C-alpha atoms as a PDB file:
ATOM      1  CA  UNK A   1     -53.489 -31.314  61.159  1.00  0.00           C
ATOM      2  CA  UNK A   2     -56.183 -33.006  63.135  1.00  0.00           C
ATOM      3  CA  UNK A   3     -59.488 -33.897  62.076  1.00  0.00           C
ATOM      4  CA  UNK A   4     -62.363 -34.326  63.948  1.00  0.00           C
ATOM      5  CA  UNK A   5     -63.874 -38.073  64.014  1.00  0.00           C
ATOM      6  CA  UNK A   6     -67.368 -36.094  63.338  1.00  0.00           C
ATOM      7  CA  UNK A   7     -66.074 -34.680  60.126  1.00  0.00           C
ATOM      8  CA  UNK A   8     -64.161 -37.496  59.026  1.00  0.00           C
ATOM      9  CA  UNK A   9     -67.347 -39.765  59.666  1.00  0.00           C
ATOM     10  CA  UNK A  10     -69.823 -37.297  57.666  1.00  0.00           C
ATOM     11  CA  UNK A  11     -67.489 -36.908  54.623  1.00  0.00           C
ATOM     12  CA  UNK A  12     -65.939 -40.790  54.415  1.00  0.00           C
ATOM     13  CA  UNK A  13     -69.123 -41.925  52.748  1.00  0.00           C
ATOM     14  CA  UNK A  14     -68.751 -39.500  49.666  1.00  0.00           C
ATOM     15  CA  UNK A  15     -64.870 -39.720  49.507  1.00  0.00           C
ATOM     16  CA  UNK A  16     -65.325 -42.961  49.129  1.00  0.00           C
ATOM     17  CA  UNK A  17     -68.234 -43.270  46.677  1.00  0.00           C
ATOM     18  CA  UNK A  18     -66.581 -40.672  44.503  1.00  0.00           C
ATOM     19  CA  UNK A  19     -63.699 -42.736  44.563  1.00  0.00           C
ATOM     20  CA  UNK A  20     -65.141 -45.879  43.531  1.00  0.00           C
ATOM     21  CA  UNK A  21     -67.083 -44.126  41.037  1.00  0.00           C
ATOM     22  CA  UNK A  22     -63.559 -43.455  39.030  1.00  0.00           C
ATOM     23  CA  UNK A  23     -63.324 -46.980  38.370  1.00  0.00           C
ATOM     24  CA  UNK A  24     -63.535 -50.281  39.918  1.00  0.00           C
ATOM     25  CA  UNK A  25     -61.392 -50.625  43.318  1.00  0.00           C
ATOM     26  CA  UNK A  26     -60.297 -52.480  46.230  1.00  0.00           C
ATOM     27  CA  UNK A  27     -59.571 -51.360  49.890  1.00  0.00           C
ATOM     28  CA  UNK A  28     -56.553 -50.073  50.103  1.00  0.00           C
ATOM     29  CA  UNK A  29     -56.180 -48.596  46.771  1.00  0.00           C
ATOM     30  CA  UNK A  30     -59.385 -46.748  48.139  1.00  0.00           C
ATOM     31  CA  UNK A  31     -57.306 -46.044  51.277  1.00  0.00           C
ATOM     32  CA  UNK A  32     -54.794 -44.637  49.077  1.00  0.00           C
ATOM     33  CA  UNK A  33     -56.139 -42.407  47.127  1.00  0.00           C
ATOM     34  CA  UNK A  34     -58.145 -40.823  49.874  1.00  0.00           C
ATOM     35  CA  UNK A  35     -54.827 -40.403  51.284  1.00  0.00           C
ATOM     36  CA  UNK A  36     -53.817 -38.852  47.625  1.00  0.00           C
ATOM     37  CA  UNK A  37     -56.396 -36.352  47.506  1.00  0.00           C
ATOM     38  CA  UNK A  38     -56.133 -35.107  51.192  1.00  0.00           C
ATOM     39  CA  UNK A  39     -52.854 -34.201  50.726  1.00  0.00           C
ATOM     40  CA  UNK A  40     -51.843 -36.987  53.509  1.00  0.00           C
ATOM     41  CA  UNK A  41     -54.525 -35.376  55.717  1.00  0.00           C
ATOM     42  CA  UNK A  42     -56.643 -38.692  55.936  1.00  0.00           C
ATOM     43  CA  UNK A  43     -54.874 -41.442  56.824  1.00  0.00           C
ATOM     44  CA  UNK A  44     -58.080 -44.359  57.176  1.00  0.00           C
ATOM     45  CA  UNK A  45     -57.158 -47.527  58.317  1.00  0.00           C
ATOM     46  CA  UNK A  46     -58.501 -51.157  57.772  1.00  0.00           C
ATOM     47  CA  UNK A  47     -60.581 -50.731  60.615  1.00  0.00           C
ATOM     48  CA  UNK A  48     -62.496 -48.019  59.556  1.00  0.00           C
ATOM     49  CA  UNK A  49     -62.621 -48.580  55.655  1.00  0.00           C
ATOM     50  CA  UNK A  50     -63.958 -52.270  55.406  1.00  0.00           C
ATOM     51  CA  UNK A  51     -66.883 -51.558  57.913  1.00  0.00           C
ATOM     52  CA  UNK A  52     -67.845 -48.235  55.525  1.00  0.00           C
ATOM     53  CA  UNK A  53     -67.172 -50.701  52.467  1.00  0.00           C
ATOM     54  CA  UNK A  54     -69.492 -53.686  54.219  1.00  0.00           C
ATOM     55  CA  UNK A  55     -72.557 -50.866  55.107  1.00  0.00           C
ATOM     56  CA  UNK A  56     -72.253 -49.241  51.971  1.00  0.00           C
ATOM     57  CA  UNK A  57     -72.732 -52.374  49.368  1.00  0.00           C
ATOM     58  CA  UNK A  58     -75.554 -53.272  52.312  1.00  0.00           C
ATOM     59  CA  UNK A  59     -77.232 -50.670  51.282  1.00  0.00           C
ATOM     60  CA  UNK A  60     -76.635 -51.349  47.768  1.00  0.00           C
ATOM     61  CA  UNK A  61     -74.584 -48.560  46.867  1.00  0.00           C
ATOM     62  CA  UNK A  62     -71.658 -51.075  45.732  1.00  0.00           C
ATOM     63  CA  UNK A  63     -71.398 -54.370  44.137  1.00  0.00           C
ATOM     64  CA  UNK A  64     -68.461 -56.209  45.190  1.00  0.00           C
ATOM     65  CA  UNK A  65     -66.357 -59.485  43.468  1.00  0.00           C
ATOM     66  CA  UNK A  66     -63.905 -61.471  44.380  1.00  0.00           C
ATOM     67  CA  UNK A  67     -60.930 -61.158  41.831  1.00  0.00           C
ATOM     68  CA  UNK A  68     -57.145 -61.822  40.957  1.00  0.00           C
ATOM     69  CA  UNK A  69     -54.739 -58.616  40.965  1.00  0.00           C
ATOM     70  CA  UNK A  70     -52.201 -57.315  39.138  1.00  0.00           C
ATOM     71  CA  UNK A  71     -49.322 -58.847  41.769  1.00  0.00           C
ATOM     72  CA  UNK A  72     -51.459 -62.240  42.167  1.00  0.00           C
ATOM     73  CA  UNK A  73     -53.230 -61.978  45.149  1.00  0.00           C
ATOM     74  CA  UNK A  74     -57.137 -62.559  45.328  1.00  0.00           C
ATOM     75  CA  UNK A  75     -58.768 -59.165  46.361  1.00  0.00           C
ATOM     76  CA  UNK A  76     -62.359 -57.788  46.861  1.00  0.00           C
ATOM     77  CA  UNK A  77     -63.022 -55.197  44.580  1.00  0.00           C
ATOM     78  CA  UNK A  78     -66.027 -52.736  44.235  1.00  0.00           C
ATOM     79  CA  UNK A  79     -67.731 -51.051  41.979  1.00  0.00           C
ATOM     80  CA  UNK A  80     -70.561 -48.467  41.996  1.00  0.00           C
ATOM     81  CA  UNK A  81     -74.111 -49.090  41.365  1.00  0.00           C
ATOM     82  CA  UNK A  82     -76.907 -46.716  40.176  1.00  0.00           C
ATOM     83  CA  UNK A  83     -78.215 -46.142  43.418  1.00  0.00           C
ATOM     84  CA  UNK A  84     -74.842 -45.090  44.995  1.00  0.00           C
ATOM     85  CA  UNK A  85     -74.197 -42.853  41.911  1.00  0.00           C
ATOM     86  CA  UNK A  86     -77.483 -41.154  42.664  1.00  0.00           C
ATOM     87  CA  UNK A  87     -76.399 -41.081  46.654  1.00  0.00           C
ATOM     88  CA  UNK A  88     -73.112 -39.397  45.488  1.00  0.00           C
ATOM     89  CA  UNK A  89     -75.653 -36.868  42.999  1.00  0.00           C
ATOM     90  CA  UNK A  90     -77.201 -35.919  46.506  1.00  0.00           C
ATOM     91  CA  UNK A  91     -74.513 -36.359  48.478  1.00  0.00           C
ATOM     92  CA  UNK A  92     -72.216 -33.479  46.208  1.00  0.00           C
ATOM     93  CA  UNK A  93     -75.216 -30.945  46.613  1.00  0.00           C
ATOM     94  CA  UNK A  94     -75.488 -31.027  50.189  1.00  0.00           C
ATOM     95  CA  UNK A  95     -72.015 -30.494  50.229  1.00  0.00           C
ATOM     96  CA  UNK A  96     -71.863 -28.058  47.982  1.00  0.00           C
ATOM     97  CA  UNK A  97     -74.512 -26.165  50.018  1.00  0.00           C
ATOM     98  CA  UNK A  98     -72.435 -26.628  53.264  1.00  0.00           C
ATOM     99  CA  UNK A  99     -68.798 -25.221  51.553  1.00  0.00           C
ATOM    100  CA  UNK A 100     -70.924 -22.430  50.394  1.00  0.00           C
ATOM    101  CA  UNK A 101     -72.513 -21.636  53.389  1.00  0.00           C
ATOM    102  CA  UNK A 102     -68.745 -22.118  55.488  1.00  0.00           C
ATOM    103  CA  UNK A 103     -67.379 -20.151  52.591  1.00  0.00           C
ATOM    104  CA  UNK A 104     -69.375 -16.948  53.120  1.00  0.00           C
ATOM    105  CA  UNK A 105     -69.216 -17.108  56.437  1.00  0.00           C
ATOM    106  CA  UNK A 106     -65.338 -17.046  56.274  1.00  0.00           C
ATOM    107  CA  UNK A 107     -65.544 -13.871  53.860  1.00  0.00           C
ATOM    108  CA  UNK A 108     -67.615 -12.246  56.240  1.00  0.00           C
ATOM    109  CA  UNK A 109     -65.214 -12.519  59.154  1.00  0.00           C
ATOM    110  CA  UNK A 110     -62.048 -11.993  57.160  1.00  0.00           C
ATOM    111  CA  UNK A 111     -63.902  -8.435  55.389  1.00  0.00           C
ATOM    112  CA  UNK A 112     -64.703  -7.384  59.254  1.00  0.00           C
ATOM    113  CA  UNK A 113     -61.499  -8.390  60.881  1.00  0.00           C
ATOM    114  CA  UNK A 114     -60.242  -6.314  57.472  1.00  0.00           C
ATOM    115  CA  UNK A 115     -62.812  -2.978  59.500  1.00  0.00           C
ATOM    116  CA  UNK A 116     -60.840  -3.424  62.733  1.00  0.00           C
ATOM    117  CA  UNK A 117     -63.371  -5.981  64.210  1.00  0.00           C
ATOM    118  CA  UNK A 118     -61.269  -8.290  65.898  1.00  0.00           C
ATOM    119  CA  UNK A 119     -63.234 -11.598  67.289  1.00  0.00           C
ATOM    120  CA  UNK A 120     -63.099 -12.562  70.796  1.00  0.00           C
END
């Protein structure tokens, strides 16, 4: 399945904040977690992930620190801030409104098609 760039861009902030809210992590782990959550539909690249992380850090939604990971490599780990948690809560509410509206319209379309209506 191909996901539009607009949808990917709109969903990236709440996805990244949500993953980091689960616990301190680094870029590659975030990419893998998003891939897992989307059952492989979202395959983000470094070129997409790191500018987003830098932007979220600049907006004070994340903090970062360098540390040595389990593999012995130095990595930049990200943690969500209180402000980031607030933004995540707001985005969760916004996405719920959109999700509810889409589900309602799709239920209505299904009922219409069950009644013999065929969209053009």
